[in-house]
Amino acid sequence: MLTILYRGPLASCDYDCAYCPFAKRRDTPEQLRADRAALERFTAWVAGRDFEVSVLFTPWGEGLVRSWYRRALVELSLLPNVARVVIQTNLSCRTDWLAQASERAALWVTYHPTQVPYERFLAKVRSLPVRHSVGIVGDPAHLPHARRLRADLPPSTYVWVNAEEGRLYTDAEAADWTAIDPLFAYSRFPHASAGLPCRTGDTVISVNGDGTVRRCHFVPEVLGNLYDGSYRPALRPRPCPAPTCDCHIGYVHLEPLGLYDVFAGGILERIPHLL
């Protein structure tokens, strides 16, 4: 199976989180048309494969407010060669369309306390008909919101916490977050990765809108292009060339961490096998 992290040119978002460079950014109509065309090309490519594919959409902006991302999620979930299709989302979109998707669709949902009323967000999560995880950035101001979310969602819903970029947590602070997310320790510190075996560049690749293939979002070396097949000869087991890896969508594929066992069956949607 080939796992693809897809990120098209979309860079606009309807939220204005202080820590995000894409907050309230607007794409031009031309940029939106280009993003739609790129996504439709990618979806058609996946549909034409004779091997199993899993897809995680990791847009810079918010994808599900755009009809073409909603359509792609549904269409890919119905393809026999797609094992899983997932998107990272703030869940600001309507959710009724998800009823059309198969059980192979899933959501990686992030809660932004400054952007949406809590009860509205909670109601949307509770109404989701597909697999999902829910999480939050580990900003100290978010701690009471995270505690409330963990208390209000069923134990079967994994609530994850991403360490805030650049923040060093005391052991006491880390314990507060670990009480919400038992796996917070994986996010707390960057992982030393240089020379370690990683699935990216072998069974996992990153693809951008024009089909350029890299091993992951965090290593700039180009392996080829998806659409002319030039990436295929480059796929092989290889060590990580970066000194550290501090993002879940990267370090989850580092083999020594053993996170494929922790998240068995839920790697892309960030749902642990057991807690």
C-alpha atoms as a PDB file:
ATOM      1  CA  MET A   1       0.000   0.000   0.000  1.00  0.00           C
ATOM      2  CA  LEU A   2       1.144   3.526  -0.764  1.00  0.00           C
ATOM      3  CA  THR A   3       0.267   6.282   1.711  1.00  0.00           C
ATOM      4  CA  ILE A   4       0.102   9.800   0.272  1.00  0.00           C
ATOM      5  CA  LEU A   5       0.150  13.094   2.144  1.00  0.00           C
ATOM      6  CA  TYR A   6      -1.421  15.504  -0.341  1.00  0.00           C
ATOM      7  CA  ARG A   7      -1.113  19.282  -0.064  1.00  0.00           C
ATOM      8  CA  GLY A   8      -2.416  21.386  -2.938  1.00  0.00           C
ATOM      9  CA  PRO A   9      -1.967  25.129  -3.459  1.00  0.00           C
ATOM     10  CA  LEU A  10      -4.933  26.058  -1.221  1.00  0.00           C
ATOM     11  CA  ALA A  11      -3.676  28.475   1.457  1.00  0.00           C
ATOM     12  CA  SER A  12      -6.812  30.230   2.684  1.00  0.00           C
ATOM     13  CA  CYS A  13      -8.595  29.764   5.973  1.00  0.00           C
ATOM     14  CA  ASP A  14     -11.762  31.115   7.542  1.00  0.00           C
ATOM     15  CA  TYR A  15     -10.181  31.276  11.013  1.00  0.00           C
ATOM     16  CA  ASP A  16      -7.705  33.856  12.323  1.00  0.00           C
ATOM     17  CA  CYS A  17      -5.700  31.948  14.942  1.00  0.00           C
ATOM     18  CA  ALA A  18      -2.844  34.145  16.171  1.00  0.00           C
ATOM     19  CA  TYR A  19      -0.209  31.418  15.698  1.00  0.00           C
ATOM     20  CA  CYS A  20      -1.103  30.588  12.083  1.00  0.00           C
ATOM     21  CA  PRO A  21       0.333  32.413   9.022  1.00  0.00           C
ATOM     22  CA  PHE A  22      -2.696  31.425   6.937  1.00  0.00           C
ATOM     23  CA  ALA A  23      -5.257  32.998   9.273  1.00  0.00           C
ATOM     24  CA  LYS A  24      -8.019  34.814   7.386  1.00  0.00           C
ATOM     25  CA  ARG A  25      -5.948  34.569   4.222  1.00  0.00           C
ATOM     26  CA  ARG A  26      -7.934  34.652   0.996  1.00  0.00           C
ATOM     27  CA  ASP A  27      -7.042  32.849  -2.208  1.00  0.00           C
ATOM     28  CA  THR A  28      -7.875  34.616  -5.453  1.00  0.00           C
ATOM     29  CA  PRO A  29     -10.476  33.042  -7.758  1.00  0.00           C
ATOM     30  CA  GLU A  30      -7.609  31.973 -10.028  1.00  0.00           C
ATOM     31  CA  GLN A  31      -5.815  30.297  -7.125  1.00  0.00           C
ATOM     32  CA  LEU A  32      -8.990  28.488  -6.101  1.00  0.00           C
ATOM     33  CA  ARG A  33      -9.547  27.251  -9.651  1.00  0.00           C
ATOM     34  CA  ALA A  34      -5.979  25.989  -9.768  1.00  0.00           C
ATOM     35  CA  ASP A  35      -6.401  24.192  -6.453  1.00  0.00           C
ATOM     36  CA  ARG A  36      -9.629  22.583  -7.620  1.00  0.00           C
ATOM     37  CA  ALA A  37      -8.063  21.410 -10.887  1.00  0.00           C
ATOM     38  CA  ALA A  38      -5.048  20.000  -9.035  1.00  0.00           C
ATOM     39  CA  LEU A  39      -7.241  18.100  -6.581  1.00  0.00           C
ATOM     40  CA  GLU A  40      -9.450  16.686  -9.327  1.00  0.00           C
ATOM     41  CA  ARG A  41      -6.345  15.536 -11.206  1.00  0.00           C
ATOM     42  CA  PHE A  42      -5.048  13.832  -8.080  1.00  0.00           C
ATOM     43  CA  THR A  43      -8.391  12.140  -7.375  1.00  0.00           C
ATOM     44  CA  ALA A  44      -8.506  10.818 -10.937  1.00  0.00           C
ATOM     45  CA  TRP A  45      -4.967   9.477 -10.566  1.00  0.00           C
ATOM     46  CA  VAL A  46      -5.888   7.586  -7.397  1.00  0.00           C
ATOM     47  CA  ALA A  47      -8.981   6.164  -9.094  1.00  0.00           C
ATOM     48  CA  GLY A  48      -6.816   4.806 -11.910  1.00  0.00           C
ATOM     49  CA  ARG A  49      -4.404   2.830  -9.731  1.00  0.00           C
ATOM     50  CA  ASP A  50      -4.356  -0.943  -9.552  1.00  0.00           C
ATOM     51  CA  PHE A  51      -2.864  -0.950  -6.049  1.00  0.00           C
ATOM     52  CA  GLU A  52      -4.083   0.096  -2.615  1.00  0.00           C
ATOM     53  CA  VAL A  53      -3.735   3.757  -1.655  1.00  0.00           C
ATOM     54  CA  SER A  54      -4.376   5.712   1.550  1.00  0.00           C
ATOM     55  CA  VAL A  55      -4.616   9.502   1.493  1.00  0.00           C
ATOM     56  CA  LEU A  56      -4.211  12.193   4.133  1.00  0.00           C
ATOM     57  CA  PHE A  57      -5.063  15.721   2.984  1.00  0.00           C
ATOM     58  CA  THR A  58      -2.939  18.246   4.886  1.00  0.00           C
ATOM     59  CA  PRO A  59      -3.956  21.619   3.392  1.00  0.00           C
ATOM     60  CA  TRP A  60      -2.297  24.818   4.533  1.00  0.00           C
ATOM     61  CA  GLY A  61      -5.779  26.317   4.803  1.00  0.00           C
ATOM     62  CA  GLU A  62      -9.224  24.903   5.520  1.00  0.00           C
ATOM     63  CA  GLY A  63     -10.259  22.492   2.798  1.00  0.00           C
ATOM     64  CA  LEU A  64     -13.746  21.371   3.772  1.00  0.00           C
ATOM     65  CA  VAL A  65     -15.302  24.798   3.248  1.00  0.00           C
ATOM     66  CA  ARG A  66     -14.567  24.106  -0.452  1.00  0.00           C
ATOM     67  CA  SER A  67     -16.937  21.821  -2.319  1.00  0.00           C
ATOM     68  CA  TRP A  68     -14.160  20.054  -4.220  1.00  0.00           C
ATOM     69  CA  TYR A  69     -12.536  18.767  -1.017  1.00  0.00           C
ATOM     70  CA  ARG A  70     -15.851  17.487   0.294  1.00  0.00           C
ATOM     71  CA  ARG A  71     -16.499  15.775  -3.029  1.00  0.00           C
ATOM     72  CA  ALA A  72     -12.991  14.288  -3.142  1.00  0.00           C
ATOM     73  CA  LEU A  73     -13.325  12.836   0.350  1.00  0.00           C
ATOM     74  CA  VAL A  74     -16.596  11.130  -0.540  1.00  0.00           C
ATOM     75  CA  GLU A  75     -15.480   9.906  -3.971  1.00  0.00           C
ATOM     76  CA  LEU A  76     -12.174   8.514  -2.717  1.00  0.00           C
ATOM     77  CA  SER A  77     -13.851   6.759   0.210  1.00  0.00           C
ATOM     78  CA  LEU A  78     -16.016   4.838  -2.263  1.00  0.00           C
ATOM     79  CA  LEU A  79     -13.145   3.587  -4.432  1.00  0.00           C
ATOM     80  CA  PRO A  80     -12.266  -0.099  -3.951  1.00  0.00           C
ATOM     81  CA  ASN A  81      -8.515   0.586  -3.978  1.00  0.00           C
ATOM     82  CA  VAL A  82      -8.634   3.286  -1.263  1.00  0.00           C
ATOM     83  CA  ALA A  83      -8.018   1.902   2.216  1.00  0.00           C
ATOM     84  CA  ARG A  84      -8.454   5.219   4.037  1.00  0.00           C
ATOM     85  CA  VAL A  85      -8.996   8.878   3.165  1.00  0.00           C
ATOM     86  CA  VAL A  86      -8.580  11.535   5.848  1.00  0.00           C
ATOM     87  CA  ILE A  87      -8.399  15.321   6.020  1.00  0.00           C
ATOM     88  CA  GLN A  88      -7.176  17.716   8.677  1.00  0.00           C
ATOM     89  CA  THR A  89      -9.964  20.207   9.378  1.00  0.00           C
ATOM     90  CA  ASN A  90     -11.243  22.812  11.822  1.00  0.00           C
ATOM     91  CA  LEU A  91     -14.781  21.448  11.207  1.00  0.00           C
ATOM     92  CA  SER A  92     -16.198  24.882  10.384  1.00  0.00           C
ATOM     93  CA  CYS A  93     -18.030  23.343   7.417  1.00  0.00           C
ATOM     94  CA  ARG A  94     -21.449  21.738   7.460  1.00  0.00           C
ATOM     95  CA  THR A  95     -21.306  17.973   8.082  1.00  0.00           C
ATOM     96  CA  ASP A  96     -24.447  16.448   6.534  1.00  0.00           C
ATOM     97  CA  TRP A  97     -22.584  15.509   3.321  1.00  0.00           C
ATOM     98  CA  LEU A  98     -20.464  13.009   5.276  1.00  0.00           C
ATOM     99  CA  ALA A  99     -23.409  10.620   5.246  1.00  0.00           C
ATOM    100  CA  GLN A 100     -22.519   9.940   1.596  1.00  0.00           C
ATOM    101  CA  ALA A 101     -19.008   8.733   2.477  1.00  0.00           C
ATOM    102  CA  SER A 102     -18.057   5.166   3.279  1.00  0.00           C
ATOM    103  CA  GLU A 103     -16.551   3.920   6.522  1.00  0.00           C
ATOM    104  CA  ARG A 104     -13.098   4.465   5.005  1.00  0.00           C
ATOM    105  CA  ALA A 105     -13.422   8.247   5.361  1.00  0.00           C
ATOM    106  CA  ALA A 106     -12.183   9.863   8.566  1.00  0.00           C
ATOM    107  CA  LEU A 107     -11.439  13.298  10.009  1.00  0.00           C
ATOM    108  CA  TRP A 108      -8.541  14.752  11.987  1.00  0.00           C
ATOM    109  CA  VAL A 109     -10.316  17.625  13.761  1.00  0.00           C
ATOM    110  CA  THR A 110      -8.679  20.559  15.537  1.00  0.00           C
ATOM    111  CA  TYR A 111     -10.551  22.678  18.080  1.00  0.00           C
ATOM    112  CA  HIS A 112      -9.674  26.389  18.134  1.00  0.00           C
ATOM    113  CA  PRO A 113     -11.244  27.906  21.270  1.00  0.00           C
ATOM    114  CA  THR A 114     -10.874  31.518  20.118  1.00  0.00           C
ATOM    115  CA  GLN A 115     -12.632  30.874  16.825  1.00  0.00           C
ATOM    116  CA  VAL A 116     -15.843  28.961  17.492  1.00  0.00           C
ATOM    117  CA  PRO A 117     -18.381  28.747  20.337  1.00  0.00           C
ATOM    118  CA  TYR A 118     -17.730  25.606  22.332  1.00  0.00           C
ATOM    119  CA  GLU A 119     -21.268  24.229  22.209  1.00  0.00           C
ATOM    120  CA  ARG A 120     -21.429  24.628  18.434  1.00  0.00           C
ATOM    121  CA  PHE A 121     -18.151  22.762  17.988  1.00  0.00           C
ATOM    122  CA  LEU A 122     -19.128  20.001  20.417  1.00  0.00           C
ATOM    123  CA  ALA A 123     -22.461  19.474  18.658  1.00  0.00           C
ATOM    124  CA  LYS A 124     -20.723  19.110  15.307  1.00  0.00           C
ATOM    125  CA  VAL A 125     -18.264  16.558  16.657  1.00  0.00           C
ATOM    126  CA  ARG A 126     -21.049  14.564  18.283  1.00  0.00           C
ATOM    127  CA  SER A 127     -22.944  14.468  14.981  1.00  0.00           C
ATOM    128  CA  LEU A 128     -20.070  13.096  12.899  1.00  0.00           C
ATOM    129  CA  PRO A 129     -20.967   9.847  11.115  1.00  0.00           C
ATOM    130  CA  VAL A 130     -17.325   8.960  10.338  1.00  0.00           C
ATOM    131  CA  ARG A 131     -14.269   8.045  12.411  1.00  0.00           C
ATOM    132  CA  HIS A 132     -12.483  11.025  13.908  1.00  0.00           C
ATOM    133  CA  SER A 133      -9.993  12.263  16.428  1.00  0.00           C
ATOM    134  CA  VAL A 134     -10.200  15.697  18.040  1.00  0.00           C
ATOM    135  CA  GLY A 135      -7.357  17.809  19.315  1.00  0.00           C
ATOM    136  CA  ILE A 136      -6.050  21.139  20.450  1.00  0.00           C
ATOM    137  CA  VAL A 137      -2.805  23.111  20.604  1.00  0.00           C
ATOM    138  CA  GLY A 138      -1.199  22.953  24.050  1.00  0.00           C
ATOM    139  CA  ASP A 139      -1.384  26.677  24.779  1.00  0.00           C
ATOM    140  CA  PRO A 140      -1.810  27.200  28.553  1.00  0.00           C
ATOM    141  CA  ALA A 141      -4.861  29.371  27.820  1.00  0.00           C
ATOM    142  CA  HIS A 142      -6.443  26.355  26.121  1.00  0.00           C
ATOM    143  CA  LEU A 143      -6.105  24.002  29.091  1.00  0.00           C
ATOM    144  CA  PRO A 144      -9.589  24.546  30.586  1.00  0.00           C
ATOM    145  CA  HIS A 145     -11.134  24.169  27.134  1.00  0.00           C
ATOM    146  CA  ALA A 146      -9.225  20.929  26.563  1.00  0.00           C
ATOM    147  CA  ARG A 147     -10.330  19.566  29.922  1.00  0.00           C
ATOM    148  CA  ARG A 148     -13.943  20.402  29.129  1.00  0.00           C
ATOM    149  CA  LEU A 149     -13.680  18.767  25.712  1.00  0.00           C
ATOM    150  CA  ARG A 150     -12.190  15.594  27.185  1.00  0.00           C
ATOM    151  CA  ALA A 151     -14.964  15.434  29.783  1.00  0.00           C
ATOM    152  CA  ASP A 152     -17.766  15.993  27.274  1.00  0.00           C
ATOM    153  CA  LEU A 153     -16.657  13.555  24.579  1.00  0.00           C
ATOM    154  CA  PRO A 154     -16.973   9.800  25.013  1.00  0.00           C
ATOM    155  CA  PRO A 155     -13.872   7.882  26.157  1.00  0.00           C
ATOM    156  CA  SER A 156     -13.750   6.234  22.723  1.00  0.00           C
ATOM    157  CA  THR A 157     -12.977   9.604  21.077  1.00  0.00           C
ATOM    158  CA  TYR A 158      -9.255  10.276  21.222  1.00  0.00           C
ATOM    159  CA  VAL A 159      -8.476  13.843  22.275  1.00  0.00           C
ATOM    160  CA  TRP A 160      -4.898  14.673  21.279  1.00  0.00           C
ATOM    161  CA  VAL A 161      -2.732  17.625  22.268  1.00  0.00           C
ATOM    162  CA  ASN A 162      -0.058  19.164  20.050  1.00  0.00           C
ATOM    163  CA  ALA A 163       2.759  20.820  21.929  1.00  0.00           C
ATOM    164  CA  GLU A 164       2.792  24.526  21.126  1.00  0.00           C
ATOM    165  CA  GLU A 165       5.657  25.401  18.796  1.00  0.00           C
ATOM    166  CA  GLY A 166       8.636  26.759  20.694  1.00  0.00           C
ATOM    167  CA  ARG A 167       7.148  26.145  24.149  1.00  0.00           C
ATOM    168  CA  LEU A 168       9.081  24.240  26.808  1.00  0.00           C
ATOM    169  CA  TYR A 169       6.801  22.515  29.287  1.00  0.00           C
ATOM    170  CA  THR A 170       7.665  21.906  32.927  1.00  0.00           C
ATOM    171  CA  ASP A 171       6.964  18.418  34.193  1.00  0.00           C
ATOM    172  CA  ALA A 172       3.926  19.753  36.041  1.00  0.00           C
ATOM    173  CA  GLU A 173       2.580  21.417  32.888  1.00  0.00           C
ATOM    174  CA  ALA A 174       3.221  18.270  30.871  1.00  0.00           C
ATOM    175  CA  ALA A 175       1.332  16.242  33.467  1.00  0.00           C
ATOM    176  CA  ASP A 176      -1.719  18.472  33.031  1.00  0.00           C
ATOM    177  CA  TRP A 177      -1.726  17.846  29.287  1.00  0.00           C
ATOM    178  CA  THR A 178      -0.960  14.144  29.695  1.00  0.00           C
ATOM    179  CA  ALA A 179      -4.084  13.801  31.822  1.00  0.00           C
ATOM    180  CA  ILE A 180      -5.999  14.779  28.701  1.00  0.00           C
ATOM    181  CA  ASP A 181      -3.822  13.050  26.095  1.00  0.00           C
ATOM    182  CA  PRO A 182      -1.896  10.032  27.439  1.00  0.00           C
ATOM    183  CA  LEU A 183       0.338  10.254  24.351  1.00  0.00           C
ATOM    184  CA  PHE A 184       1.353  13.885  24.880  1.00  0.00           C
ATOM    185  CA  ALA A 185       4.940  12.819  25.608  1.00  0.00           C
ATOM    186  CA  TYR A 186       5.430  12.090  21.896  1.00  0.00           C
ATOM    187  CA  SER A 187       4.586  15.703  21.075  1.00  0.00           C
ATOM    188  CA  ARG A 188       6.340  17.395  23.994  1.00  0.00           C
ATOM    189  CA  PHE A 189       9.883  17.276  22.577  1.00  0.00           C
ATOM    190  CA  PRO A 190      11.198  17.109  18.988  1.00  0.00           C
ATOM    191  CA  HIS A 191      12.427  13.638  18.084  1.00  0.00           C
ATOM    192  CA  ALA A 192      16.052  13.148  17.110  1.00  0.00           C
ATOM    193  CA  SER A 193      15.639  11.597  13.671  1.00  0.00           C
ATOM    194  CA  ALA A 194      18.908  11.857  11.715  1.00  0.00           C
ATOM    195  CA  GLY A 195      19.912   8.449  10.415  1.00  0.00           C
ATOM    196  CA  LEU A 196      16.870   6.663  11.779  1.00  0.00           C
ATOM    197  CA  PRO A 197      14.796   4.400   9.552  1.00  0.00           C
ATOM    198  CA  CYS A 198      11.579   6.066   8.390  1.00  0.00           C
ATOM    199  CA  ARG A 199       8.778   4.839   6.160  1.00  0.00           C
ATOM    200  CA  THR A 200       8.653   8.128   4.248  1.00  0.00           C
ATOM    201  CA  GLY A 201      10.232   7.810   0.833  1.00  0.00           C
ATOM    202  CA  ASP A 202       9.324   4.132   0.764  1.00  0.00           C
ATOM    203  CA  THR A 203       5.672   3.376   1.578  1.00  0.00           C
ATOM    204  CA  VAL A 204       4.771   6.991   2.452  1.00  0.00           C
ATOM    205  CA  ILE A 205       5.200  10.037   0.196  1.00  0.00           C
ATOM    206  CA  SER A 206       4.258  13.708   0.103  1.00  0.00           C
ATOM    207  CA  VAL A 207       2.642  15.116  -3.048  1.00  0.00           C
ATOM    208  CA  ASN A 208       1.920  18.725  -3.941  1.00  0.00           C
ATOM    209  CA  GLY A 209      -0.541  20.165  -6.418  1.00  0.00           C
ATOM    210  CA  ASP A 210       1.578  19.727  -9.542  1.00  0.00           C
ATOM    211  CA  GLY A 211       2.444  16.144  -8.623  1.00  0.00           C
ATOM    212  CA  THR A 212       5.925  16.790  -7.244  1.00  0.00           C
ATOM    213  CA  VAL A 213       6.814  13.928  -4.907  1.00  0.00           C
ATOM    214  CA  ARG A 214       8.968  14.267  -1.812  1.00  0.00           C
ATOM    215  CA  ARG A 215       9.473  11.781   0.971  1.00  0.00           C
ATOM    216  CA  CYS A 216       7.582  14.018   3.424  1.00  0.00           C
ATOM    217  CA  HIS A 217       6.537  17.625   3.918  1.00  0.00           C
ATOM    218  CA  PHE A 218       9.721  18.367   5.856  1.00  0.00           C
ATOM    219  CA  VAL A 219      12.455  17.134   3.495  1.00  0.00           C
ATOM    220  CA  PRO A 220      12.836  19.272   0.348  1.00  0.00           C
ATOM    221  CA  GLU A 221      14.547  16.672  -1.854  1.00  0.00           C
ATOM    222  CA  VAL A 222      12.393  15.822  -4.883  1.00  0.00           C
ATOM    223  CA  LEU A 223      11.899  12.124  -5.674  1.00  0.00           C
ATOM    224  CA  GLY A 224      10.084  12.609  -8.975  1.00  0.00           C
ATOM    225  CA  ASN A 225       6.573  13.311 -10.181  1.00  0.00           C
ATOM    226  CA  LEU A 226       3.408  11.380  -9.437  1.00  0.00           C
ATOM    227  CA  TYR A 227       1.853  11.778 -12.854  1.00  0.00           C
ATOM    228  CA  ASP A 228       4.736  10.681 -15.068  1.00  0.00           C
ATOM    229  CA  GLY A 229       5.657   7.831 -12.742  1.00  0.00           C
ATOM    230  CA  SER A 230       9.204   9.115 -12.230  1.00  0.00           C
ATOM    231  CA  TYR A 231       8.822   8.817  -8.450  1.00  0.00           C
ATOM    232  CA  ARG A 232       8.502   5.027  -8.516  1.00  0.00           C
ATOM    233  CA  PRO A 233      12.186   4.093  -8.997  1.00  0.00           C
ATOM    234  CA  ALA A 234      13.094   6.366  -6.080  1.00  0.00           C
ATOM    235  CA  LEU A 235      10.933   4.517  -3.528  1.00  0.00           C
ATOM    236  CA  ARG A 236      13.038   2.516  -1.104  1.00  0.00           C
ATOM    237  CA  PRO A 237      13.764   2.255   2.622  1.00  0.00           C
ATOM    238  CA  ARG A 238      15.968   5.133   3.711  1.00  0.00           C
ATOM    239  CA  PRO A 239      17.073   6.928   6.877  1.00  0.00           C
ATOM    240  CA  CYS A 240      15.834  10.372   7.819  1.00  0.00           C
ATOM    241  CA  PRO A 241      18.218  13.164   6.727  1.00  0.00           C
ATOM    242  CA  ALA A 242      16.800  15.782   9.127  1.00  0.00           C
ATOM    243  CA  PRO A 243      18.293  16.332  12.596  1.00  0.00           C
ATOM    244  CA  THR A 244      14.887  16.353  14.297  1.00  0.00           C
ATOM    245  CA  CYS A 245      11.216  15.761  13.545  1.00  0.00           C
ATOM    246  CA  ASP A 246       8.626  17.607  15.624  1.00  0.00           C
ATOM    247  CA  CYS A 247       5.351  17.166  13.736  1.00  0.00           C
ATOM    248  CA  HIS A 248       3.057  14.185  14.225  1.00  0.00           C
ATOM    249  CA  ILE A 249       2.492  13.676  10.492  1.00  0.00           C
ATOM    250  CA  GLY A 250       6.255  13.227  10.195  1.00  0.00           C
ATOM    251  CA  TYR A 251       7.433  11.374  13.283  1.00  0.00           C
ATOM    252  CA  VAL A 252       4.550   8.901  13.281  1.00  0.00           C
ATOM    253  CA  HIS A 253       6.433   7.224  10.398  1.00  0.00           C
ATOM    254  CA  LEU A 254       9.786   6.986  12.258  1.00  0.00           C
ATOM    255  CA  GLU A 255      10.148   3.244  12.757  1.00  0.00           C
ATOM    256  CA  PRO A 256      12.011   3.238  16.119  1.00  0.00           C
ATOM    257  CA  LEU A 257       9.127   5.092  17.800  1.00  0.00           C
ATOM    258  CA  GLY A 258       6.794   2.159  17.189  1.00  0.00           C
ATOM    259  CA  LEU A 259       3.807   4.409  16.553  1.00  0.00           C
ATOM    260  CA  TYR A 260       2.415   2.138  13.838  1.00  0.00           C
ATOM    261  CA  ASP A 261       1.622  -0.259  16.676  1.00  0.00           C
ATOM    262  CA  VAL A 262       0.214   2.512  18.893  1.00  0.00           C
ATOM    263  CA  PHE A 263      -2.009   3.845  16.078  1.00  0.00           C
ATOM    264  CA  ALA A 264      -2.664   0.526  14.333  1.00  0.00           C
ATOM    265  CA  GLY A 265      -5.660   0.972  12.037  1.00  0.00           C
ATOM    266  CA  GLY A 266      -5.712   4.729  12.638  1.00  0.00           C
ATOM    267  CA  ILE A 267      -2.350   6.129  11.529  1.00  0.00           C
ATOM    268  CA  LEU A 268      -3.745   8.837   9.244  1.00  0.00           C
ATOM    269  CA  GLU A 269      -6.694   9.921  11.380  1.00  0.00           C
ATOM    270  CA  ARG A 270      -4.561   9.847  14.551  1.00  0.00           C
ATOM    271  CA  ILE A 271      -6.665   7.314  16.415  1.00  0.00           C
ATOM    272  CA  PRO A 272      -4.717   5.009  18.756  1.00  0.00           C
ATOM    273  CA  HIS A 273      -5.372   1.298  18.768  1.00  0.00           C
ATOM    274  CA  LEU A 274      -5.530   1.189  22.564  1.00  0.00           C
ATOM    275  CA  LEU A 275      -5.103   3.720  25.373  1.00  0.00           C
END
